[in-house]
Amino acid sequence: SIRARLILILTGFIVVFVSVNMFMNIFFLERYYTYQKKEVLKDI
């Protein structure tokens, strides 16, 4: 049914979105935070 496929597709998108967000947090959040702190020190 279209309804089942719609639920699976949209649920899959949510899972992928959450997983990508967690991946970005693990591997890039610290670097991004360091970069932002560097910019803050420069601006001050």
PDB file of all heavy atoms in Angstrom:
ATOM      1  N   SER A   1       0.828  -1.199   0.000  1.00  0.00           N
ATOM      2  CA  SER A   1       0.000   0.000   0.000  1.00  0.00           C
ATOM      3  C   SER A   1       0.869   1.257   0.000  1.00  0.00           C
ATOM      4  O   SER A   1       1.998   1.264   0.485  1.00  0.00           O
ATOM      5  CB  SER A   1      -0.917   0.009   1.232  1.00  0.00           C
ATOM      6  OG  SER A   1      -0.154   0.166   2.409  1.00  0.00           O
ATOM      7  N   ILE A   2       0.297   2.315  -0.543  1.00  0.00           N
ATOM      8  CA  ILE A   2       0.994   3.610  -0.573  1.00  0.00           C
ATOM      9  C   ILE A   2       1.197   4.120   0.840  1.00  0.00           C
ATOM     10  O   ILE A   2       2.231   4.711   1.158  1.00  0.00           O
ATOM     11  CB  ILE A   2       0.179   4.613  -1.404  1.00  0.00           C
ATOM     12  CG1 ILE A   2       0.134   4.161  -2.870  1.00  0.00           C
ATOM     13  CG2 ILE A   2       0.766   6.008  -1.305  1.00  0.00           C
ATOM     14  CD1 ILE A   2      -0.704   5.050  -3.741  1.00  0.00           C
ATOM     15  N   ARG A   3       0.196   3.908   1.712  1.00  0.00           N
ATOM     16  CA  ARG A   3       0.304   4.389   3.085  1.00  0.00           C
ATOM     17  C   ARG A   3       1.498   3.756   3.792  1.00  0.00           C
ATOM     18  O   ARG A   3       2.268   4.448   4.467  1.00  0.00           O
ATOM     19  CB  ARG A   3      -0.989   4.070   3.833  1.00  0.00           C
ATOM     20  CG  ARG A   3      -0.992   4.564   5.265  1.00  0.00           C
ATOM     21  CD  ARG A   3      -2.357   4.437   5.895  1.00  0.00           C
ATOM     22  NE  ARG A   3      -2.816   3.072   5.903  1.00  0.00           N
ATOM     23  CZ  ARG A   3      -4.029   2.696   6.272  1.00  0.00           C
ATOM     24  NH1 ARG A   3      -4.892   3.607   6.638  1.00  0.00           N
ATOM     25  NH2 ARG A   3      -4.387   1.437   6.266  1.00  0.00           N
ATOM     26  N   ALA A   4       1.684   2.428   3.637  1.00  0.00           N
ATOM     27  CA  ALA A   4       2.810   1.749   4.291  1.00  0.00           C
ATOM     28  C   ALA A   4       4.133   2.265   3.752  1.00  0.00           C
ATOM     29  O   ALA A   4       5.079   2.529   4.516  1.00  0.00           O
ATOM     30  CB  ALA A   4       2.694   0.240   4.083  1.00  0.00           C
ATOM     31  N   ARG A   5       4.199   2.433   2.434  1.00  0.00           N
ATOM     32  CA  ARG A   5       5.446   2.941   1.858  1.00  0.00           C
ATOM     33  C   ARG A   5       5.730   4.372   2.301  1.00  0.00           C
ATOM     34  O   ARG A   5       6.876   4.755   2.545  1.00  0.00           O
ATOM     35  CB  ARG A   5       5.376   2.856   0.337  1.00  0.00           C
ATOM     36  CG  ARG A   5       5.602   1.438  -0.193  1.00  0.00           C
ATOM     37  CD  ARG A   5       5.622   1.414  -1.691  1.00  0.00           C
ATOM     38  NE  ARG A   5       4.276   1.529  -2.221  1.00  0.00           N
ATOM     39  CZ  ARG A   5       3.997   1.633  -3.514  1.00  0.00           C
ATOM     40  NH1 ARG A   5       4.974   1.681  -4.392  1.00  0.00           N
ATOM     41  NH2 ARG A   5       2.756   1.710  -3.919  1.00  0.00           N
ATOM     42  N   LEU A   6       4.661   5.175   2.403  1.00  0.00           N
ATOM     43  CA  LEU A   6       4.839   6.558   2.855  1.00  0.00           C
ATOM     44  C   LEU A   6       5.366   6.591   4.284  1.00  0.00           C
ATOM     45  O   LEU A   6       6.291   7.354   4.606  1.00  0.00           O
ATOM     46  CB  LEU A   6       3.497   7.298   2.765  1.00  0.00           C
ATOM     47  CG  LEU A   6       3.498   8.779   3.151  1.00  0.00           C
ATOM     48  CD1 LEU A   6       4.380   9.574   2.208  1.00  0.00           C
ATOM     49  CD2 LEU A   6       2.082   9.328   3.145  1.00  0.00           C
ATOM     50  N   ILE A   7       4.791   5.749   5.158  1.00  0.00           N
ATOM     51  CA  ILE A   7       5.252   5.690   6.556  1.00  0.00           C
ATOM     52  C   ILE A   7       6.705   5.243   6.615  1.00  0.00           C
ATOM     53  O   ILE A   7       7.531   5.837   7.328  1.00  0.00           O
ATOM     54  CB  ILE A   7       4.349   4.739   7.366  1.00  0.00           C
ATOM     55  CG1 ILE A   7       2.935   5.323   7.480  1.00  0.00           C
ATOM     56  CG2 ILE A   7       4.929   4.491   8.753  1.00  0.00           C
ATOM     57  CD1 ILE A   7       1.930   4.377   8.095  1.00  0.00           C
ATOM     58  N   LEU A   8       7.052   4.189   5.864  1.00  0.00           N
ATOM     59  CA  LEU A   8       8.422   3.677   5.888  1.00  0.00           C
ATOM     60  C   LEU A   8       9.417   4.703   5.363  1.00  0.00           C
ATOM     61  O   LEU A   8      10.496   4.896   5.923  1.00  0.00           O
ATOM     62  CB  LEU A   8       8.497   2.385   5.061  1.00  0.00           C
ATOM     63  CG  LEU A   8       7.785   1.160   5.669  1.00  0.00           C
ATOM     64  CD1 LEU A   8       7.841  -0.003   4.696  1.00  0.00           C
ATOM     65  CD2 LEU A   8       8.417   0.777   6.999  1.00  0.00           C
ATOM     66  N   ILE A   9       9.053   5.373   4.280  1.00  0.00           N
ATOM     67  CA  ILE A   9       9.973   6.346   3.674  1.00  0.00           C
ATOM     68  C   ILE A   9      10.219   7.518   4.623  1.00  0.00           C
ATOM     69  O   ILE A   9      11.366   7.906   4.888  1.00  0.00           O
ATOM     70  CB  ILE A   9       9.421   6.843   2.328  1.00  0.00           C
ATOM     71  CG1 ILE A   9       9.477   5.710   1.288  1.00  0.00           C
ATOM     72  CG2 ILE A   9      10.213   8.047   1.824  1.00  0.00           C
ATOM     73  CD1 ILE A   9       8.775   6.040  -0.013  1.00  0.00           C
ATOM     74  N   LEU A  10       9.132   8.089   5.159  1.00  0.00           N
ATOM     75  CA  LEU A  10       9.289   9.248   6.028  1.00  0.00           C
ATOM     76  C   LEU A  10       9.962   8.867   7.340  1.00  0.00           C
ATOM     77  O   LEU A  10      10.787   9.625   7.873  1.00  0.00           O
ATOM     78  CB  LEU A  10       7.926   9.879   6.306  1.00  0.00           C
ATOM     79  CG  LEU A  10       7.249  10.516   5.089  1.00  0.00           C
ATOM     80  CD1 LEU A  10       5.898  11.101   5.465  1.00  0.00           C
ATOM     81  CD2 LEU A  10       8.124  11.607   4.483  1.00  0.00           C
ATOM     82  N   THR A  11       9.629   7.685   7.883  1.00  0.00           N
ATOM     83  CA  THR A  11      10.323   7.218   9.093  1.00  0.00           C
ATOM     84  C   THR A  11      11.803   7.005   8.804  1.00  0.00           C
ATOM     85  O   THR A  11      12.672   7.334   9.626  1.00  0.00           O
ATOM     86  CB  THR A  11       9.687   5.909   9.594  1.00  0.00           C
ATOM     87  OG1 THR A  11       8.288   6.120   9.826  1.00  0.00           O
ATOM     88  CG2 THR A  11      10.342   5.446  10.890  1.00  0.00           C
ATOM     89  N   GLY A  12      12.119   6.458   7.636  1.00  0.00           N
ATOM     90  CA  GLY A  12      13.518   6.281   7.240  1.00  0.00           C
ATOM     91  C   GLY A  12      14.246   7.599   7.151  1.00  0.00           C
ATOM     92  O   GLY A  12      15.410   7.715   7.574  1.00  0.00           O
ATOM     93  N   PHE A  13      13.568   8.630   6.626  1.00  0.00           N
ATOM     94  CA  PHE A  13      14.184   9.952   6.549  1.00  0.00           C
ATOM     95  C   PHE A  13      14.505  10.476   7.950  1.00  0.00           C
ATOM     96  O   PHE A  13      15.560  11.076   8.184  1.00  0.00           O
ATOM     97  CB  PHE A  13      13.256  10.935   5.827  1.00  0.00           C
ATOM     98  CG  PHE A  13      13.409  10.907   4.333  1.00  0.00           C
ATOM     99  CD1 PHE A  13      12.307  10.720   3.518  1.00  0.00           C
ATOM    100  CD2 PHE A  13      14.649  11.070   3.729  1.00  0.00           C
ATOM    101  CE1 PHE A  13      12.434  10.683   2.133  1.00  0.00           C
ATOM    102  CE2 PHE A  13      14.786  11.051   2.354  1.00  0.00           C
ATOM    103  CZ  PHE A  13      13.680  10.848   1.556  1.00  0.00           C
ATOM    104  N   ILE A  14      13.554  10.281   8.881  1.00  0.00           N
ATOM    105  CA  ILE A  14      13.784  10.752  10.253  1.00  0.00           C
ATOM    106  C   ILE A  14      14.984  10.030  10.863  1.00  0.00           C
ATOM    107  O   ILE A  14      15.856  10.652  11.496  1.00  0.00           O
ATOM    108  CB  ILE A  14      12.524  10.538  11.105  1.00  0.00           C
ATOM    109  CG1 ILE A  14      11.379  11.424  10.587  1.00  0.00           C
ATOM    110  CG2 ILE A  14      12.805  10.834  12.570  1.00  0.00           C
ATOM    111  CD1 ILE A  14      10.050  11.173  11.254  1.00  0.00           C
ATOM    112  N   VAL A  15      15.047   8.689  10.687  1.00  0.00           N
ATOM    113  CA  VAL A  15      16.159   7.908  11.236  1.00  0.00           C
ATOM    114  C   VAL A  15      17.479   8.370  10.632  1.00  0.00           C
ATOM    115  O   VAL A  15      18.485   8.556  11.339  1.00  0.00           O
ATOM    116  CB  VAL A  15      15.934   6.408  10.988  1.00  0.00           C
ATOM    117  CG1 VAL A  15      17.177   5.598  11.352  1.00  0.00           C
ATOM    118  CG2 VAL A  15      14.734   5.911  11.778  1.00  0.00           C
ATOM    119  N   VAL A  16      17.488   8.565   9.312  1.00  0.00           N
ATOM    120  CA  VAL A  16      18.722   9.019   8.658  1.00  0.00           C
ATOM    121  C   VAL A  16      19.130  10.395   9.167  1.00  0.00           C
ATOM    122  O   VAL A  16      20.310  10.658   9.436  1.00  0.00           O
ATOM    123  CB  VAL A  16      18.523   9.032   7.122  1.00  0.00           C
ATOM    124  CG1 VAL A  16      19.692   9.730   6.431  1.00  0.00           C
ATOM    125  CG2 VAL A  16      18.382   7.616   6.594  1.00  0.00           C
ATOM    126  N   PHE A  17      18.129  11.286   9.325  1.00  0.00           N
ATOM    127  CA  PHE A  17      18.429  12.635   9.797  1.00  0.00           C
ATOM    128  C   PHE A  17      19.045  12.602  11.195  1.00  0.00           C
ATOM    129  O   PHE A  17      20.054  13.266  11.469  1.00  0.00           O
ATOM    130  CB  PHE A  17      17.154  13.478   9.801  1.00  0.00           C
ATOM    131  CG  PHE A  17      17.317  14.837  10.414  1.00  0.00           C
ATOM    132  CD1 PHE A  17      17.925  15.859   9.711  1.00  0.00           C
ATOM    133  CD2 PHE A  17      16.874  15.092  11.709  1.00  0.00           C
ATOM    134  CE1 PHE A  17      18.098  17.118  10.284  1.00  0.00           C
ATOM    135  CE2 PHE A  17      17.037  16.331  12.284  1.00  0.00           C
ATOM    136  CZ  PHE A  17      17.647  17.344  11.573  1.00  0.00           C
ATOM    137  N   VAL A  18      18.435  11.821  12.100  1.00  0.00           N
ATOM    138  CA  VAL A  18      18.958  11.722  13.462  1.00  0.00           C
ATOM    139  C   VAL A  18      20.353  11.095  13.455  1.00  0.00           C
ATOM    140  O   VAL A  18      21.270  11.552  14.156  1.00  0.00           O
ATOM    141  CB  VAL A  18      17.992  10.902  14.343  1.00  0.00           C
ATOM    142  CG1 VAL A  18      18.609  10.635  15.718  1.00  0.00           C
ATOM    143  CG2 VAL A  18      16.660  11.638  14.495  1.00  0.00           C
ATOM    144  N   SER A  19      20.557  10.055  12.654  1.00  0.00           N
ATOM    145  CA  SER A  19      21.865   9.387  12.595  1.00  0.00           C
ATOM    146  C   SER A  19      22.940  10.317  12.064  1.00  0.00           C
ATOM    147  O   SER A  19      24.061  10.375  12.592  1.00  0.00           O
ATOM    148  CB  SER A  19      21.767   8.136  11.709  1.00  0.00           C
ATOM    149  OG  SER A  19      20.817   7.224  12.224  1.00  0.00           O
ATOM    150  N   VAL A  20      22.619  11.056  11.013  1.00  0.00           N
ATOM    151  CA  VAL A  20      23.589  12.003  10.457  1.00  0.00           C
ATOM    152  C   VAL A  20      23.925  13.081  11.483  1.00  0.00           C
ATOM    153  O   VAL A  20      25.087  13.491  11.631  1.00  0.00           O
ATOM    154  CB  VAL A  20      23.036  12.622   9.155  1.00  0.00           C
ATOM    155  CG1 VAL A  20      23.897  13.796   8.689  1.00  0.00           C
ATOM    156  CG2 VAL A  20      22.963  11.567   8.060  1.00  0.00           C
ATOM    157  N   ASN A  21      22.907  13.545  12.209  1.00  0.00           N
ATOM    158  CA  ASN A  21      23.137  14.568  13.221  1.00  0.00           C
ATOM    159  C   ASN A  21      24.069  14.047  14.315  1.00  0.00           C
ATOM    160  O   ASN A  21      25.000  14.756  14.759  1.00  0.00           O
ATOM    161  CB  ASN A  21      21.797  14.997  13.814  1.00  0.00           C
ATOM    162  CG  ASN A  21      21.899  16.333  14.527  1.00  0.00           C
ATOM    163  OD1 ASN A  21      22.869  17.063  14.348  1.00  0.00           O
ATOM    164  ND2 ASN A  21      20.901  16.655  15.335  1.00  0.00           N
ATOM    165  N   MET A  22      23.852  12.788  14.739  1.00  0.00           N
ATOM    166  CA  MET A  22      24.716  12.206  15.758  1.00  0.00           C
ATOM    167  C   MET A  22      26.137  12.021  15.227  1.00  0.00           C
ATOM    168  O   MET A  22      27.124  12.265  15.925  1.00  0.00           O
ATOM    169  CB  MET A  22      24.147  10.867  16.228  1.00  0.00           C
ATOM    170  CG  MET A  22      22.832  11.003  16.990  1.00  0.00           C
ATOM    171  SD  MET A  22      22.109   9.412  17.437  1.00  0.00           S
ATOM    172  CE  MET A  22      23.364   8.784  18.565  1.00  0.00           C
ATOM    173  N   PHE A  23      26.274  11.602  14.012  1.00  0.00           N
ATOM    174  CA  PHE A  23      27.583  11.430  13.380  1.00  0.00           C
ATOM    175  C   PHE A  23      28.324  12.762  13.323  1.00  0.00           C
ATOM    176  O   PHE A  23      29.519  12.846  13.624  1.00  0.00           O
ATOM    177  CB  PHE A  23      27.403  10.844  11.984  1.00  0.00           C
ATOM    178  CG  PHE A  23      28.677  10.729  11.204  1.00  0.00           C
ATOM    179  CD1 PHE A  23      29.532   9.655  11.383  1.00  0.00           C
ATOM    180  CD2 PHE A  23      29.035  11.711  10.275  1.00  0.00           C
ATOM    181  CE1 PHE A  23      30.707   9.554  10.668  1.00  0.00           C
ATOM    182  CE2 PHE A  23      30.204  11.621   9.558  1.00  0.00           C
ATOM    183  CZ  PHE A  23      31.048  10.531   9.744  1.00  0.00           C
ATOM    184  N   MET A  24      27.606  13.809  12.928  1.00  0.00           N
ATOM    185  CA  MET A  24      28.228  15.125  12.860  1.00  0.00           C
ATOM    186  C   MET A  24      28.654  15.601  14.244  1.00  0.00           C
ATOM    187  O   MET A  24      29.721  16.217  14.407  1.00  0.00           O
ATOM    188  CB  MET A  24      27.232  16.127  12.249  1.00  0.00           C
ATOM    189  CG  MET A  24      26.851  15.824  10.809  1.00  0.00           C
ATOM    190  SD  MET A  24      28.240  15.974   9.663  1.00  0.00           S
ATOM    191  CE  MET A  24      28.517  17.728   9.688  1.00  0.00           C
ATOM    192  N   ASN A  25      27.823  15.311  15.264  1.00  0.00           N
ATOM    193  CA  ASN A  25      28.196  15.690  16.625  1.00  0.00           C
ATOM    194  C   ASN A  25      29.488  14.999  17.056  1.00  0.00           C
ATOM    195  O   ASN A  25      30.382  15.612  17.649  1.00  0.00           O
ATOM    196  CB  ASN A  25      27.069  15.326  17.597  1.00  0.00           C
ATOM    197  CG  ASN A  25      25.953  16.351  17.557  1.00  0.00           C
ATOM    198  OD1 ASN A  25      26.073  17.390  16.928  1.00  0.00           O
ATOM    199  ND2 ASN A  25      24.859  16.045  18.231  1.00  0.00           N
ATOM    200  N   ILE A  26      29.575  13.689  16.774  1.00  0.00           N
ATOM    201  CA  ILE A  26      30.719  12.904  17.230  1.00  0.00           C
ATOM    202  C   ILE A  26      32.011  13.340  16.549  1.00  0.00           C
ATOM    203  O   ILE A  26      33.051  13.523  17.194  1.00  0.00           O
ATOM    204  CB  ILE A  26      30.454  11.405  16.995  1.00  0.00           C
ATOM    205  CG1 ILE A  26      29.303  10.923  17.891  1.00  0.00           C
ATOM    206  CG2 ILE A  26      31.719  10.582  17.263  1.00  0.00           C
ATOM    207  CD1 ILE A  26      28.845   9.515  17.585  1.00  0.00           C
ATOM    208  N   PHE A  27      31.962  13.550  15.250  1.00  0.00           N
ATOM    209  CA  PHE A  27      33.193  13.764  14.488  1.00  0.00           C
ATOM    210  C   PHE A  27      33.501  15.230  14.174  1.00  0.00           C
ATOM    211  O   PHE A  27      34.639  15.561  13.846  1.00  0.00           O
ATOM    212  CB  PHE A  27      33.137  12.968  13.177  1.00  0.00           C
ATOM    213  CG  PHE A  27      33.162  11.485  13.372  1.00  0.00           C
ATOM    214  CD1 PHE A  27      31.995  10.743  13.355  1.00  0.00           C
ATOM    215  CD2 PHE A  27      34.368  10.826  13.608  1.00  0.00           C
ATOM    216  CE1 PHE A  27      32.020   9.365  13.540  1.00  0.00           C
ATOM    217  CE2 PHE A  27      34.395   9.456  13.796  1.00  0.00           C
ATOM    218  CZ  PHE A  27      33.217   8.717  13.761  1.00  0.00           C
ATOM    219  N   PHE A  28      32.515  16.105  14.264  1.00  0.00           N
ATOM    220  CA  PHE A  28      32.766  17.483  13.825  1.00  0.00           C
ATOM    221  C   PHE A  28      32.405  18.538  14.862  1.00  0.00           C
ATOM    222  O   PHE A  28      32.797  19.695  14.714  1.00  0.00           O
ATOM    223  CB  PHE A  28      31.984  17.783  12.535  1.00  0.00           C
ATOM    224  CG  PHE A  28      32.396  16.931  11.373  1.00  0.00           C
ATOM    225  CD1 PHE A  28      31.624  15.837  10.991  1.00  0.00           C
ATOM    226  CD2 PHE A  28      33.555  17.210  10.675  1.00  0.00           C
ATOM    227  CE1 PHE A  28      32.004  15.050   9.925  1.00  0.00           C
ATOM    228  CE2 PHE A  28      33.942  16.426   9.607  1.00  0.00           C
ATOM    229  CZ  PHE A  28      33.169  15.336   9.236  1.00  0.00           C
ATOM    230  N   LEU A  29      31.626  18.155  15.876  1.00  0.00           N
ATOM    231  CA  LEU A  29      31.201  19.178  16.819  1.00  0.00           C
ATOM    232  C   LEU A  29      32.383  19.785  17.580  1.00  0.00           C
ATOM    233  O   LEU A  29      32.469  21.011  17.768  1.00  0.00           O
ATOM    234  CB  LEU A  29      30.182  18.587  17.810  1.00  0.00           C
ATOM    235  CG  LEU A  29      29.612  19.571  18.831  1.00  0.00           C
ATOM    236  CD1 LEU A  29      28.902  20.717  18.111  1.00  0.00           C
ATOM    237  CD2 LEU A  29      28.643  18.859  19.773  1.00  0.00           C
ATOM    238  N   GLU A  30      33.342  18.950  18.030  1.00  0.00           N
ATOM    239  CA  GLU A  30      34.500  19.458  18.771  1.00  0.00           C
ATOM    240  C   GLU A  30      35.333  20.387  17.904  1.00  0.00           C
ATOM    241  O   GLU A  30      35.767  21.462  18.351  1.00  0.00           O
ATOM    242  CB  GLU A  30      35.346  18.287  19.268  1.00  0.00           C
ATOM    243  CG  GLU A  30      36.537  18.732  20.118  1.00  0.00           C
ATOM    244  CD  GLU A  30      37.335  17.546  20.636  1.00  0.00           C
ATOM    245  OE1 GLU A  30      36.884  16.401  20.445  1.00  0.00           O
ATOM    246  OE2 GLU A  30      38.407  17.780  21.208  1.00  0.00           O
ATOM    247  N   ARG A  31      35.540  19.984  16.650  1.00  0.00           N
ATOM    248  CA  ARG A  31      36.305  20.857  15.739  1.00  0.00           C
ATOM    249  C   ARG A  31      35.584  22.177  15.491  1.00  0.00           C
ATOM    250  O   ARG A  31      36.214  23.251  15.467  1.00  0.00           O
ATOM    251  CB  ARG A  31      36.531  20.146  14.412  1.00  0.00           C
ATOM    252  CG  ARG A  31      37.355  18.862  14.526  1.00  0.00           C
ATOM    253  CD  ARG A  31      37.513  18.212  13.171  1.00  0.00           C
ATOM    254  NE  ARG A  31      38.207  16.927  13.291  1.00  0.00           N
ATOM    255  CZ  ARG A  31      38.445  16.118  12.255  1.00  0.00           C
ATOM    256  NH1 ARG A  31      38.049  16.483  11.041  1.00  0.00           N
ATOM    257  NH2 ARG A  31      39.070  14.967  12.439  1.00  0.00           N
ATOM    258  N   TYR A  32      34.292  22.054  15.317  1.00  0.00           N
ATOM    259  CA  TYR A  32      33.526  23.278  15.064  1.00  0.00           C
ATOM    260  C   TYR A  32      33.545  24.182  16.289  1.00  0.00           C
ATOM    261  O   TYR A  32      33.670  25.408  16.181  1.00  0.00           O
ATOM    262  CB  TYR A  32      32.089  22.920  14.689  1.00  0.00           C
ATOM    263  CG  TYR A  32      31.210  24.106  14.400  1.00  0.00           C
ATOM    264  CD1 TYR A  32      31.353  24.810  13.206  1.00  0.00           C
ATOM    265  CD2 TYR A  32      30.262  24.547  15.320  1.00  0.00           C
ATOM    266  CE1 TYR A  32      30.566  25.911  12.938  1.00  0.00           C
ATOM    267  CE2 TYR A  32      29.476  25.644  15.059  1.00  0.00           C
ATOM    268  CZ  TYR A  32      29.633  26.332  13.871  1.00  0.00           C
ATOM    269  OH  TYR A  32      28.861  27.429  13.594  1.00  0.00           O
ATOM    270  N   TYR A  33      33.420  23.568  17.459  1.00  0.00           N
ATOM    271  CA  TYR A  33      33.454  24.351  18.691  1.00  0.00           C
ATOM    272  C   TYR A  33      34.811  25.048  18.857  1.00  0.00           C
ATOM    273  O   TYR A  33      34.888  26.219  19.234  1.00  0.00           O
ATOM    274  CB  TYR A  33      33.190  23.433  19.885  1.00  0.00           C
ATOM    275  CG  TYR A  33      33.091  24.152  21.196  1.00  0.00           C
ATOM    276  CD1 TYR A  33      31.946  24.817  21.573  1.00  0.00           C
ATOM    277  CD2 TYR A  33      34.184  24.155  22.073  1.00  0.00           C
ATOM    278  CE1 TYR A  33      31.859  25.476  22.789  1.00  0.00           C
ATOM    279  CE2 TYR A  33      34.114  24.823  23.297  1.00  0.00           C
ATOM    280  CZ  TYR A  33      32.953  25.480  23.644  1.00  0.00           C
ATOM    281  OH  TYR A  33      32.880  26.141  24.852  1.00  0.00           O
ATOM    282  N   THR A  34      35.905  24.330  18.568  1.00  0.00           N
ATOM    283  CA  THR A  34      37.245  24.917  18.629  1.00  0.00           C
ATOM    284  C   THR A  34      37.365  26.078  17.666  1.00  0.00           C
ATOM    285  O   THR A  34      37.915  27.150  17.999  1.00  0.00           O
ATOM    286  CB  THR A  34      38.302  23.857  18.297  1.00  0.00           C
ATOM    287  OG1 THR A  34      38.174  22.766  19.217  1.00  0.00           O
ATOM    288  CG2 THR A  34      39.705  24.428  18.389  1.00  0.00           C
ATOM    289  N   TYR A  35      36.864  25.880  16.456  1.00  0.00           N
ATOM    290  CA  TYR A  35      36.908  26.947  15.450  1.00  0.00           C
ATOM    291  C   TYR A  35      36.140  28.177  15.942  1.00  0.00           C
ATOM    292  O   TYR A  35      36.609  29.316  15.812  1.00  0.00           O
ATOM    293  CB  TYR A  35      36.317  26.433  14.141  1.00  0.00           C
ATOM    294  CG  TYR A  35      36.080  27.503  13.107  1.00  0.00           C
ATOM    295  CD1 TYR A  35      37.135  28.004  12.344  1.00  0.00           C
ATOM    296  CD2 TYR A  35      34.800  28.024  12.912  1.00  0.00           C
ATOM    297  CE1 TYR A  35      36.909  29.008  11.414  1.00  0.00           C
ATOM    298  CE2 TYR A  35      34.571  29.013  11.983  1.00  0.00           C
ATOM    299  CZ  TYR A  35      35.630  29.504  11.233  1.00  0.00           C
ATOM    300  OH  TYR A  35      35.403  30.491  10.313  1.00  0.00           O
ATOM    301  N   GLN A  36      34.940  27.937  16.528  1.00  0.00           N
ATOM    302  CA  GLN A  36      34.134  29.057  16.997  1.00  0.00           C
ATOM    303  C   GLN A  36      34.824  29.780  18.154  1.00  0.00           C
ATOM    304  O   GLN A  36      34.796  31.017  18.240  1.00  0.00           O
ATOM    305  CB  GLN A  36      32.753  28.552  17.444  1.00  0.00           C
ATOM    306  CG  GLN A  36      31.839  28.152  16.283  1.00  0.00           C
ATOM    307  CD  GLN A  36      31.409  29.367  15.474  1.00  0.00           C
ATOM    308  OE1 GLN A  36      32.162  29.901  14.653  1.00  0.00           O
ATOM    309  NE2 GLN A  36      30.199  29.815  15.715  1.00  0.00           N
ATOM    310  N   LYS A  37      35.451  29.016  19.061  1.00  0.00           N
ATOM    311  CA  LYS A  37      36.174  29.641  20.165  1.00  0.00           C
ATOM    312  C   LYS A  37      37.359  30.486  19.666  1.00  0.00           C
ATOM    313  O   LYS A  37      37.649  31.560  20.198  1.00  0.00           O
ATOM    314  CB  LYS A  37      36.670  28.583  21.144  1.00  0.00           C
ATOM    315  CG  LYS A  37      35.588  28.075  22.082  1.00  0.00           C
ATOM    316  CD  LYS A  37      35.074  29.190  22.981  1.00  0.00           C
ATOM    317  CE  LYS A  37      34.008  28.719  23.951  1.00  0.00           C
ATOM    318  NZ  LYS A  37      33.508  29.807  24.804  1.00  0.00           N
ATOM    319  N   LYS A  38      38.028  29.954  18.667  1.00  0.00           N
ATOM    320  CA  LYS A  38      39.129  30.723  18.066  1.00  0.00           C
ATOM    321  C   LYS A  38      38.597  32.050  17.527  1.00  0.00           C
ATOM    322  O   LYS A  38      39.212  33.115  17.716  1.00  0.00           O
ATOM    323  CB  LYS A  38      39.797  29.920  16.954  1.00  0.00           C
ATOM    324  CG  LYS A  38      40.654  28.775  17.453  1.00  0.00           C
ATOM    325  CD  LYS A  38      41.004  27.811  16.322  1.00  0.00           C
ATOM    326  CE  LYS A  38      41.724  28.525  15.193  1.00  0.00           C
ATOM    327  NZ  LYS A  38      42.108  27.558  14.122  1.00  0.00           N
ATOM    328  N   GLU A  39      37.466  32.007  16.845  1.00  0.00           N
ATOM    329  CA  GLU A  39      36.892  33.222  16.279  1.00  0.00           C
ATOM    330  C   GLU A  39      36.460  34.181  17.386  1.00  0.00           C
ATOM    331  O   GLU A  39      36.576  35.406  17.248  1.00  0.00           O
ATOM    332  CB  GLU A  39      35.696  32.865  15.380  1.00  0.00           C
ATOM    333  CG  GLU A  39      36.063  32.069  14.140  1.00  0.00           C
ATOM    334  CD  GLU A  39      37.044  32.821  13.261  1.00  0.00           C
ATOM    335  OE1 GLU A  39      36.813  34.026  13.009  1.00  0.00           O
ATOM    336  OE2 GLU A  39      38.049  32.219  12.831  1.00  0.00           O
ATOM    337  N   VAL A  40      35.936  33.613  18.480  1.00  0.00           N
ATOM    338  CA  VAL A  40      35.525  34.471  19.594  1.00  0.00           C
ATOM    339  C   VAL A  40      36.741  35.199  20.176  1.00  0.00           C
ATOM    340  O   VAL A  40      36.697  36.416  20.443  1.00  0.00           O
ATOM    341  CB  VAL A  40      34.820  33.629  20.675  1.00  0.00           C
ATOM    342  CG1 VAL A  40      34.644  34.445  21.969  1.00  0.00           C
ATOM    343  CG2 VAL A  40      33.448  33.174  20.174  1.00  0.00           C
ATOM    344  N   LEU A  41      37.839  34.479  20.417  1.00  0.00           N
ATOM    345  CA  LEU A  41      39.051  35.105  20.946  1.00  0.00           C
ATOM    346  C   LEU A  41      39.568  36.179  20.007  1.00  0.00           C
ATOM    347  O   LEU A  41      39.995  37.266  20.446  1.00  0.00           O
ATOM    348  CB  LEU A  41      40.125  34.049  21.196  1.00  0.00           C
ATOM    349  CG  LEU A  41      39.800  32.990  22.271  1.00  0.00           C
ATOM    350  CD1 LEU A  41      40.975  32.024  22.442  1.00  0.00           C
ATOM    351  CD2 LEU A  41      39.459  33.646  23.599  1.00  0.00           C
ATOM    352  N   LYS A  42      39.553  35.882  18.698  1.00  0.00           N
ATOM    353  CA  LYS A  42      39.991  36.896  17.716  1.00  0.00           C
ATOM    354  C   LYS A  42      39.121  38.143  17.804  1.00  0.00           C
ATOM    355  O   LYS A  42      39.614  39.282  17.796  1.00  0.00           O
ATOM    356  CB  LYS A  42      39.917  36.325  16.313  1.00  0.00           C
ATOM    357  CG  LYS A  42      40.919  35.233  16.002  1.00  0.00           C
ATOM    358  CD  LYS A  42      40.688  34.746  14.570  1.00  0.00           C
ATOM    359  CE  LYS A  42      41.570  33.543  14.241  1.00  0.00           C
ATOM    360  NZ  LYS A  42      41.310  33.034  12.891  1.00  0.00           N
ATOM    361  N   ASP A  43      37.784  37.930  17.860  1.00  0.00           N
ATOM    362  CA  ASP A  43      36.863  39.067  17.875  1.00  0.00           C
ATOM    363  C   ASP A  43      37.051  39.910  19.144  1.00  0.00           C
ATOM    364  O   ASP A  43      36.990  41.152  19.090  1.00  0.00           O
ATOM    365  CB  ASP A  43      35.417  38.561  17.793  1.00  0.00           C
ATOM    366  CG  ASP A  43      35.092  37.962  16.431  1.00  0.00           C
ATOM    367  OD1 ASP A  43      35.835  38.250  15.464  1.00  0.00           O
ATOM    368  OD2 ASP A  43      34.108  37.192  16.340  1.00  0.00           O
ATOM    369  N   ILE A  44      37.261  39.252  20.292  1.00  0.00           N
ATOM    370  CA  ILE A  44      37.464  40.002  21.531  1.00  0.00           C
ATOM    371  C   ILE A  44      38.736  40.839  21.445  1.00  0.00           C
ATOM    372  O   ILE A  44      38.747  42.031  21.808  1.00  0.00           O
ATOM    373  CB  ILE A  44      37.517  39.045  22.726  1.00  0.00           C
ATOM    374  CG1 ILE A  44      36.139  38.400  22.948  1.00  0.00           C
ATOM    375  CG2 ILE A  44      37.951  39.785  23.995  1.00  0.00           C
ATOM    376  CD1 ILE A  44      36.142  37.342  24.030  1.00  0.00           C
TER     377      ILE A  44
END
